[in-house]
Every structure is written in structure tokens, then in C-alpha cells.
Amino acid sequence: MVNMERLLHRGKYAVSNPGADEYQGRPWLKIAGITREFSKSDRFLAIFLVAWNALFFLWFVVFSIINLFYPISDAAWATYWHVNILILVVLAMIATTAVFAASKTMKSTIPPYPLKTKLSVWNHGFRVFGTSK
């Protein structure tokens, strides 16, 4: 049986300092949730995503105000969103391809040494037949 109080550090198992220090860096980085454990690429991605969402919110506010005084037709909105979604899909495909192409994690999935066991499909599973030399 698992002791949930101990697992969650509650009650008599409470820890005074759980180990996560408060970030002492720039206050605006805290908005993106950036801590000192972030790598440069993690920081870039977090800042980019916060800025992207802030830009879309600003875009929404500006066009909502414009629409109050100068109504925009449904056809114009449909065209805008059609083009916008196509551009976003293409950008997402390019970004995803670039991230996977540059990622070190892809390289780490390939073992740096040859496998020493032979695997064979047997009864809907894998059966190890022994080591190869």
C-alpha cells in the first residue's frame, strides 16, 4: 500500500524546502514561467509562445474595436481566417520539421552500440533468442 501522505510530503512528512528555488532573474521572464533550469532553446520557445499569444490577444482587441465602428463583412472574416490558418499550418510544419531535424533527442534514440540480442516475433510479442557475436 502506498502512503500518500509521505508521497505528497504532507503532515509529518512535510518538507520545509522542497528544493525548487524562487527564480531571481528578470521579472518579465517569470511571465513565461522561465526558470534557471531552462536552456537557451527552451527560453526562446517559451518567450515565443507567450509573445505569440499576446499578439493574437492584441489582434483580437484591435479588430473588435475596429468592427464596432466599421463593420467587417463575413466574407472578409472568412477570407482572413482561411489565409491565416493556411499560413499557420505551413509555419507549424516548417517549425516542427526544423525542431526534429535539429534535435539531439533524435540521435539519442539510436543506441550508440549494436544490439547484442536477436528479437523474433513470437505469439504477438517479442522473444529473445540469445546474444549475437
N, C-alpha and C. Protein backbone atom coordinates (compact mmCIF):
# COMPACT_ATOMS: atom_id res chain seq x y z
N MET A 1 0.84 -1.17 0.00
CA MET A 1 0.00 0.00 0.00
C MET A 1 0.90 1.25 0.00
N VAL A 2 0.50 2.24 -0.74
CA VAL A 2 1.28 3.47 -0.87
C VAL A 2 0.81 4.47 0.17
N ASN A 3 1.75 5.05 0.89
CA ASN A 3 1.45 6.08 1.88
C ASN A 3 1.39 7.42 1.14
N MET A 4 0.18 7.90 0.85
CA MET A 4 0.02 9.13 0.08
C MET A 4 0.52 10.35 0.82
N GLU A 5 0.42 10.35 2.13
CA GLU A 5 0.93 11.48 2.91
C GLU A 5 2.43 11.62 2.71
N ARG A 6 3.12 10.49 2.71
CA ARG A 6 4.56 10.51 2.52
C ARG A 6 4.91 10.86 1.08
N LEU A 7 4.15 10.30 0.14
CA LEU A 7 4.40 10.55 -1.27
C LEU A 7 4.23 12.02 -1.62
N LEU A 8 3.22 12.67 -1.04
CA LEU A 8 2.93 14.07 -1.34
C LEU A 8 3.55 15.05 -0.34
N HIS A 9 4.38 14.52 0.57
CA HIS A 9 5.08 15.35 1.57
C HIS A 9 4.11 16.19 2.39
N ARG A 10 3.10 15.55 2.93
CA ARG A 10 2.10 16.22 3.77
C ARG A 10 2.26 15.78 5.21
N GLY A 11 1.68 16.59 6.13
CA GLY A 11 1.64 16.22 7.55
C GLY A 11 3.03 16.05 8.12
N LYS A 12 3.28 14.92 8.78
CA LYS A 12 4.58 14.71 9.42
C LYS A 12 5.70 14.50 8.40
N TYR A 13 5.35 14.28 7.13
CA TYR A 13 6.35 14.10 6.08
C TYR A 13 6.63 15.40 5.31
N ALA A 14 6.06 16.51 5.77
CA ALA A 14 6.23 17.78 5.07
C ALA A 14 7.70 18.17 5.02
N VAL A 15 8.10 18.72 3.89
CA VAL A 15 9.47 19.16 3.69
C VAL A 15 9.48 20.68 3.74
N SER A 16 10.41 21.24 4.52
CA SER A 16 10.43 22.70 4.67
C SER A 16 10.86 23.38 3.38
N ASN A 17 11.81 22.82 2.65
CA ASN A 17 12.25 23.39 1.39
C ASN A 17 12.21 22.29 0.34
N PRO A 18 11.19 22.28 -0.53
CA PRO A 18 11.07 21.19 -1.49
C PRO A 18 12.17 21.17 -2.54
N GLY A 19 13.05 22.16 -2.55
CA GLY A 19 14.16 22.13 -3.49
C GLY A 19 14.01 23.08 -4.65
N ALA A 20 12.83 23.54 -4.94
CA ALA A 20 12.62 24.48 -6.04
C ALA A 20 12.80 25.89 -5.52
N ASP A 21 13.89 26.52 -5.93
CA ASP A 21 14.15 27.89 -5.50
C ASP A 21 13.32 28.86 -6.34
N GLU A 22 12.99 29.98 -5.74
CA GLU A 22 12.26 31.02 -6.45
C GLU A 22 13.19 31.65 -7.48
N TYR A 23 12.69 31.90 -8.67
CA TYR A 23 13.50 32.47 -9.73
C TYR A 23 13.88 33.90 -9.37
N GLN A 24 15.17 34.20 -9.46
CA GLN A 24 15.66 35.53 -9.08
C GLN A 24 16.04 36.37 -10.30
N GLY A 25 15.69 35.95 -11.48
CA GLY A 25 16.06 36.65 -12.71
C GLY A 25 15.13 37.81 -13.02
N ARG A 26 15.05 38.11 -14.29
CA ARG A 26 14.22 39.22 -14.74
C ARG A 26 12.74 38.93 -14.50
N PRO A 27 12.00 39.92 -13.98
CA PRO A 27 10.58 39.68 -13.67
C PRO A 27 9.74 39.34 -14.90
N TRP A 28 10.08 39.89 -16.07
CA TRP A 28 9.26 39.62 -17.25
C TRP A 28 9.44 38.19 -17.74
N LEU A 29 10.56 37.54 -17.39
CA LEU A 29 10.73 36.14 -17.77
C LEU A 29 9.84 35.23 -16.94
N LYS A 30 9.46 35.71 -15.75
CA LYS A 30 8.59 34.92 -14.89
C LYS A 30 7.20 34.76 -15.51
N ILE A 31 6.81 35.72 -16.35
CA ILE A 31 5.51 35.64 -17.03
C ILE A 31 5.46 34.39 -17.90
N ALA A 32 6.57 34.07 -18.55
CA ALA A 32 6.63 32.89 -19.41
C ALA A 32 6.92 31.63 -18.61
N GLY A 33 7.11 31.76 -17.30
CA GLY A 33 7.38 30.59 -16.46
C GLY A 33 8.80 30.09 -16.58
N ILE A 34 9.71 30.95 -17.00
CA ILE A 34 11.09 30.55 -17.23
C ILE A 34 11.85 30.52 -15.91
N THR A 35 12.54 29.42 -15.68
CA THR A 35 13.41 29.29 -14.51
C THR A 35 14.84 29.09 -14.99
N ARG A 36 15.77 29.01 -14.07
CA ARG A 36 17.17 28.89 -14.47
C ARG A 36 17.49 27.52 -15.05
N GLU A 37 16.58 26.56 -14.92
CA GLU A 37 16.80 25.24 -15.50
C GLU A 37 16.58 25.24 -17.01
N PHE A 38 15.97 26.28 -17.55
CA PHE A 38 15.67 26.33 -18.98
C PHE A 38 16.96 26.50 -19.78
N SER A 39 17.06 25.78 -20.89
CA SER A 39 18.16 26.00 -21.82
C SER A 39 17.82 27.22 -22.68
N LYS A 40 18.77 27.64 -23.51
CA LYS A 40 18.51 28.80 -24.38
C LYS A 40 17.36 28.52 -25.34
N SER A 41 17.32 27.30 -25.88
CA SER A 41 16.23 26.98 -26.81
C SER A 41 14.89 26.91 -26.08
N ASP A 42 14.89 26.42 -24.83
CA ASP A 42 13.65 26.40 -24.05
C ASP A 42 13.17 27.82 -23.76
N ARG A 43 14.11 28.71 -23.43
CA ARG A 43 13.75 30.11 -23.17
C ARG A 43 13.16 30.75 -24.42
N PHE A 44 13.82 30.52 -25.56
CA PHE A 44 13.32 31.08 -26.81
C PHE A 44 11.90 30.61 -27.09
N LEU A 45 11.68 29.31 -26.95
CA LEU A 45 10.37 28.74 -27.24
C LEU A 45 9.30 29.29 -26.29
N ALA A 46 9.62 29.39 -25.00
CA ALA A 46 8.65 29.90 -24.02
C ALA A 46 8.32 31.37 -24.30
N ILE A 47 9.34 32.17 -24.56
CA ILE A 47 9.11 33.60 -24.85
C ILE A 47 8.32 33.74 -26.15
N PHE A 48 8.67 32.94 -27.16
CA PHE A 48 7.96 32.99 -28.43
C PHE A 48 6.48 32.66 -28.26
N LEU A 49 6.18 31.62 -27.49
CA LEU A 49 4.78 31.23 -27.31
C LEU A 49 3.98 32.27 -26.53
N VAL A 50 4.58 32.88 -25.51
CA VAL A 50 3.89 33.94 -24.77
C VAL A 50 3.67 35.15 -25.67
N ALA A 51 4.69 35.52 -26.45
CA ALA A 51 4.55 36.67 -27.35
C ALA A 51 3.51 36.39 -28.44
N TRP A 52 3.50 35.16 -28.95
CA TRP A 52 2.52 34.77 -29.98
C TRP A 52 1.10 34.92 -29.45
N ASN A 53 0.85 34.42 -28.25
CA ASN A 53 -0.49 34.52 -27.67
C ASN A 53 -0.85 35.97 -27.34
N ALA A 54 0.12 36.75 -26.87
CA ALA A 54 -0.14 38.16 -26.59
C ALA A 54 -0.47 38.91 -27.88
N LEU A 55 0.23 38.57 -28.96
CA LEU A 55 -0.04 39.20 -30.25
C LEU A 55 -1.45 38.87 -30.74
N PHE A 56 -1.86 37.62 -30.60
CA PHE A 56 -3.21 37.25 -31.02
C PHE A 56 -4.27 37.93 -30.15
N PHE A 57 -4.01 38.09 -28.86
CA PHE A 57 -4.95 38.80 -28.00
C PHE A 57 -5.05 40.26 -28.42
N LEU A 58 -3.91 40.89 -28.67
CA LEU A 58 -3.89 42.29 -29.12
C LEU A 58 -4.62 42.42 -30.46
N TRP A 59 -4.36 41.47 -31.36
CA TRP A 59 -5.03 41.44 -32.66
C TRP A 59 -6.55 41.37 -32.49
N PHE A 60 -7.01 40.51 -31.57
CA PHE A 60 -8.44 40.36 -31.29
C PHE A 60 -9.03 41.68 -30.77
N VAL A 61 -8.35 42.33 -29.83
CA VAL A 61 -8.85 43.58 -29.25
C VAL A 61 -8.93 44.67 -30.32
N VAL A 62 -7.87 44.81 -31.12
CA VAL A 62 -7.84 45.86 -32.14
C VAL A 62 -8.95 45.64 -33.17
N PHE A 63 -9.10 44.43 -33.67
CA PHE A 63 -10.13 44.19 -34.68
C PHE A 63 -11.53 44.21 -34.10
N SER A 64 -11.69 43.91 -32.83
CA SER A 64 -13.01 44.05 -32.20
C SER A 64 -13.41 45.51 -32.13
N ILE A 65 -12.46 46.38 -31.78
CA ILE A 65 -12.75 47.82 -31.73
C ILE A 65 -13.04 48.36 -33.13
N ILE A 66 -12.23 47.94 -34.11
CA ILE A 66 -12.47 48.38 -35.49
C ILE A 66 -13.85 47.92 -35.96
N ASN A 67 -14.22 46.69 -35.61
CA ASN A 67 -15.50 46.14 -36.04
C ASN A 67 -16.68 46.88 -35.41
N LEU A 68 -16.48 47.51 -34.25
CA LEU A 68 -17.56 48.29 -33.64
C LEU A 68 -17.91 49.51 -34.47
N PHE A 69 -16.90 50.15 -35.06
CA PHE A 69 -17.12 51.40 -35.79
C PHE A 69 -17.24 51.19 -37.30
N TYR A 70 -16.52 50.22 -37.82
CA TYR A 70 -16.55 49.92 -39.25
C TYR A 70 -16.77 48.42 -39.41
N PRO A 71 -18.03 47.99 -39.49
CA PRO A 71 -18.31 46.55 -39.54
C PRO A 71 -17.58 45.85 -40.70
N ILE A 72 -17.02 44.71 -40.37
CA ILE A 72 -16.29 43.91 -41.35
C ILE A 72 -17.22 42.78 -41.80
N SER A 73 -17.29 42.57 -43.12
CA SER A 73 -18.23 41.58 -43.65
C SER A 73 -17.80 40.16 -43.28
N ASP A 74 -18.78 39.26 -43.31
CA ASP A 74 -18.50 37.86 -43.02
C ASP A 74 -17.55 37.26 -44.04
N ALA A 75 -17.67 37.69 -45.29
CA ALA A 75 -16.78 37.18 -46.34
C ALA A 75 -15.33 37.59 -46.08
N ALA A 76 -15.14 38.81 -45.60
CA ALA A 76 -13.79 39.27 -45.28
C ALA A 76 -13.20 38.48 -44.13
N TRP A 77 -14.02 38.21 -43.10
CA TRP A 77 -13.54 37.40 -41.97
C TRP A 77 -13.21 35.99 -42.42
N ALA A 78 -14.06 35.41 -43.28
CA ALA A 78 -13.82 34.05 -43.76
C ALA A 78 -12.52 33.97 -44.56
N THR A 79 -12.29 34.97 -45.41
CA THR A 79 -11.04 35.01 -46.18
C THR A 79 -9.84 35.17 -45.26
N TYR A 80 -9.95 36.07 -44.28
CA TYR A 80 -8.85 36.28 -43.33
C TYR A 80 -8.50 34.98 -42.61
N TRP A 81 -9.50 34.29 -42.07
CA TRP A 81 -9.22 33.07 -41.31
C TRP A 81 -8.74 31.94 -42.21
N HIS A 82 -9.23 31.88 -43.44
CA HIS A 82 -8.76 30.86 -44.37
C HIS A 82 -7.26 31.04 -44.64
N VAL A 83 -6.86 32.26 -44.97
CA VAL A 83 -5.44 32.55 -45.24
C VAL A 83 -4.62 32.37 -43.97
N ASN A 84 -5.13 32.86 -42.85
CA ASN A 84 -4.42 32.77 -41.57
C ASN A 84 -4.15 31.32 -41.18
N ILE A 85 -5.14 30.47 -41.31
CA ILE A 85 -4.98 29.06 -40.94
C ILE A 85 -4.01 28.37 -41.89
N LEU A 86 -4.08 28.67 -43.18
CA LEU A 86 -3.13 28.08 -44.12
C LEU A 86 -1.70 28.48 -43.77
N ILE A 87 -1.49 29.75 -43.47
CA ILE A 87 -0.15 30.22 -43.10
C ILE A 87 0.31 29.55 -41.81
N LEU A 88 -0.58 29.45 -40.82
CA LEU A 88 -0.21 28.82 -39.55
C LEU A 88 0.15 27.35 -39.73
N VAL A 89 -0.58 26.65 -40.57
CA VAL A 89 -0.29 25.23 -40.80
C VAL A 89 1.08 25.08 -41.47
N VAL A 90 1.36 25.90 -42.46
CA VAL A 90 2.66 25.83 -43.13
C VAL A 90 3.78 26.18 -42.16
N LEU A 91 3.61 27.23 -41.36
CA LEU A 91 4.63 27.59 -40.38
C LEU A 91 4.83 26.50 -39.34
N ALA A 92 3.74 25.87 -38.92
CA ALA A 92 3.85 24.79 -37.94
C ALA A 92 4.59 23.60 -38.53
N MET A 93 4.33 23.29 -39.80
CA MET A 93 5.04 22.18 -40.44
C MET A 93 6.53 22.47 -40.56
N ILE A 94 6.87 23.70 -40.94
CA ILE A 94 8.28 24.08 -41.07
C ILE A 94 8.96 24.04 -39.70
N ALA A 95 8.31 24.60 -38.69
CA ALA A 95 8.90 24.63 -37.35
C ALA A 95 9.07 23.23 -36.79
N THR A 96 8.08 22.38 -36.97
CA THR A 96 8.17 21.01 -36.46
C THR A 96 9.30 20.26 -37.15
N THR A 97 9.41 20.40 -38.46
CA THR A 97 10.48 19.74 -39.19
C THR A 97 11.84 20.25 -38.72
N ALA A 98 11.97 21.56 -38.52
CA ALA A 98 13.24 22.12 -38.07
C ALA A 98 13.61 21.63 -36.68
N VAL A 99 12.64 21.57 -35.80
CA VAL A 99 12.92 21.12 -34.43
C VAL A 99 13.36 19.67 -34.42
N PHE A 100 12.66 18.82 -35.14
CA PHE A 100 13.04 17.41 -35.17
C PHE A 100 14.36 17.19 -35.89
N ALA A 101 14.64 17.98 -36.91
CA ALA A 101 15.90 17.83 -37.64
C ALA A 101 17.08 18.26 -36.78
N ALA A 102 16.90 19.27 -35.95
CA ALA A 102 17.99 19.79 -35.14
C ALA A 102 18.06 19.17 -33.76
N SER A 103 17.10 18.37 -33.43
CA SER A 103 17.01 17.84 -32.07
C SER A 103 18.10 16.81 -31.78
N LYS A 104 18.68 16.94 -30.61
CA LYS A 104 19.66 15.95 -30.16
C LYS A 104 18.96 14.71 -29.65
N THR A 105 17.69 14.85 -29.28
CA THR A 105 16.97 13.69 -28.74
C THR A 105 16.73 12.64 -29.80
N MET A 106 16.66 13.05 -31.08
CA MET A 106 16.51 12.05 -32.13
C MET A 106 17.74 11.16 -32.19
N LYS A 107 18.91 11.77 -32.01
CA LYS A 107 20.15 11.00 -32.05
C LYS A 107 20.24 10.06 -30.86
N SER A 108 19.69 10.47 -29.72
CA SER A 108 19.82 9.65 -28.53
C SER A 108 18.91 8.43 -28.56
N THR A 109 17.95 8.38 -29.48
CA THR A 109 17.08 7.21 -29.55
C THR A 109 17.77 6.04 -30.26
N ILE A 110 18.84 6.32 -30.99
CA ILE A 110 19.60 5.27 -31.66
C ILE A 110 20.70 4.83 -30.71
N PRO A 111 20.76 3.55 -30.36
CA PRO A 111 21.79 3.12 -29.42
C PRO A 111 23.18 3.33 -30.00
N PRO A 112 24.13 3.78 -29.19
CA PRO A 112 25.48 4.02 -29.69
C PRO A 112 26.27 2.74 -29.92
N TYR A 113 25.69 1.61 -29.62
CA TYR A 113 26.37 0.32 -29.76
C TYR A 113 25.40 -0.65 -30.43
N PRO A 114 25.91 -1.68 -31.10
CA PRO A 114 24.99 -2.64 -31.73
C PRO A 114 24.27 -3.48 -30.68
N LEU A 115 23.04 -3.82 -30.97
CA LEU A 115 22.28 -4.66 -30.05
C LEU A 115 22.91 -6.05 -29.99
N LYS A 116 22.93 -6.63 -28.81
CA LYS A 116 23.55 -7.93 -28.63
C LYS A 116 22.54 -9.06 -28.54
N THR A 117 21.28 -8.75 -28.77
CA THR A 117 20.26 -9.80 -28.73
C THR A 117 19.51 -9.82 -30.04
N LYS A 118 19.04 -10.99 -30.40
CA LYS A 118 18.20 -11.14 -31.59
C LYS A 118 16.76 -11.25 -31.13
N LEU A 119 15.90 -10.46 -31.73
CA LEU A 119 14.49 -10.49 -31.37
C LEU A 119 13.70 -11.15 -32.49
N SER A 120 12.69 -11.86 -32.12
CA SER A 120 11.83 -12.50 -33.10
C SER A 120 10.39 -12.36 -32.63
N VAL A 121 9.49 -12.15 -33.59
CA VAL A 121 8.09 -12.05 -33.23
C VAL A 121 7.59 -13.46 -32.90
N TRP A 122 6.99 -13.59 -31.74
CA TRP A 122 6.53 -14.90 -31.30
C TRP A 122 5.30 -14.71 -30.44
N ASN A 123 4.18 -15.25 -30.87
CA ASN A 123 2.93 -15.19 -30.11
C ASN A 123 2.54 -13.75 -29.77
N HIS A 124 2.52 -12.88 -30.76
CA HIS A 124 2.13 -11.47 -30.61
C HIS A 124 3.02 -10.73 -29.62
N GLY A 125 4.25 -11.08 -29.57
CA GLY A 125 5.19 -10.40 -28.67
C GLY A 125 6.60 -10.62 -29.16
N PHE A 126 7.55 -10.28 -28.33
CA PHE A 126 8.95 -10.45 -28.70
C PHE A 126 9.58 -11.51 -27.80
N ARG A 127 10.38 -12.35 -28.41
CA ARG A 127 11.07 -13.39 -27.66
C ARG A 127 12.56 -13.25 -27.93
N VAL A 128 13.35 -13.21 -26.90
CA VAL A 128 14.80 -13.08 -27.05
C VAL A 128 15.38 -14.46 -27.29
N PHE A 129 16.14 -14.62 -28.40
CA PHE A 129 16.72 -15.91 -28.74
C PHE A 129 18.14 -16.07 -28.24
N GLY A 130 18.78 -15.02 -27.80
CA GLY A 130 20.16 -15.14 -27.33
C GLY A 130 20.99 -13.98 -27.84
N THR A 131 22.24 -14.05 -27.58
CA THR A 131 23.13 -12.96 -27.97
C THR A 131 23.81 -13.29 -29.29
N SER A 132 24.06 -12.26 -30.05
CA SER A 132 24.80 -12.43 -31.30
C SER A 132 26.24 -12.02 -31.06
N LYS A 133 27.13 -12.65 -31.78
CA LYS A 133 28.56 -12.33 -31.58
C LYS A 133 29.14 -11.75 -32.82
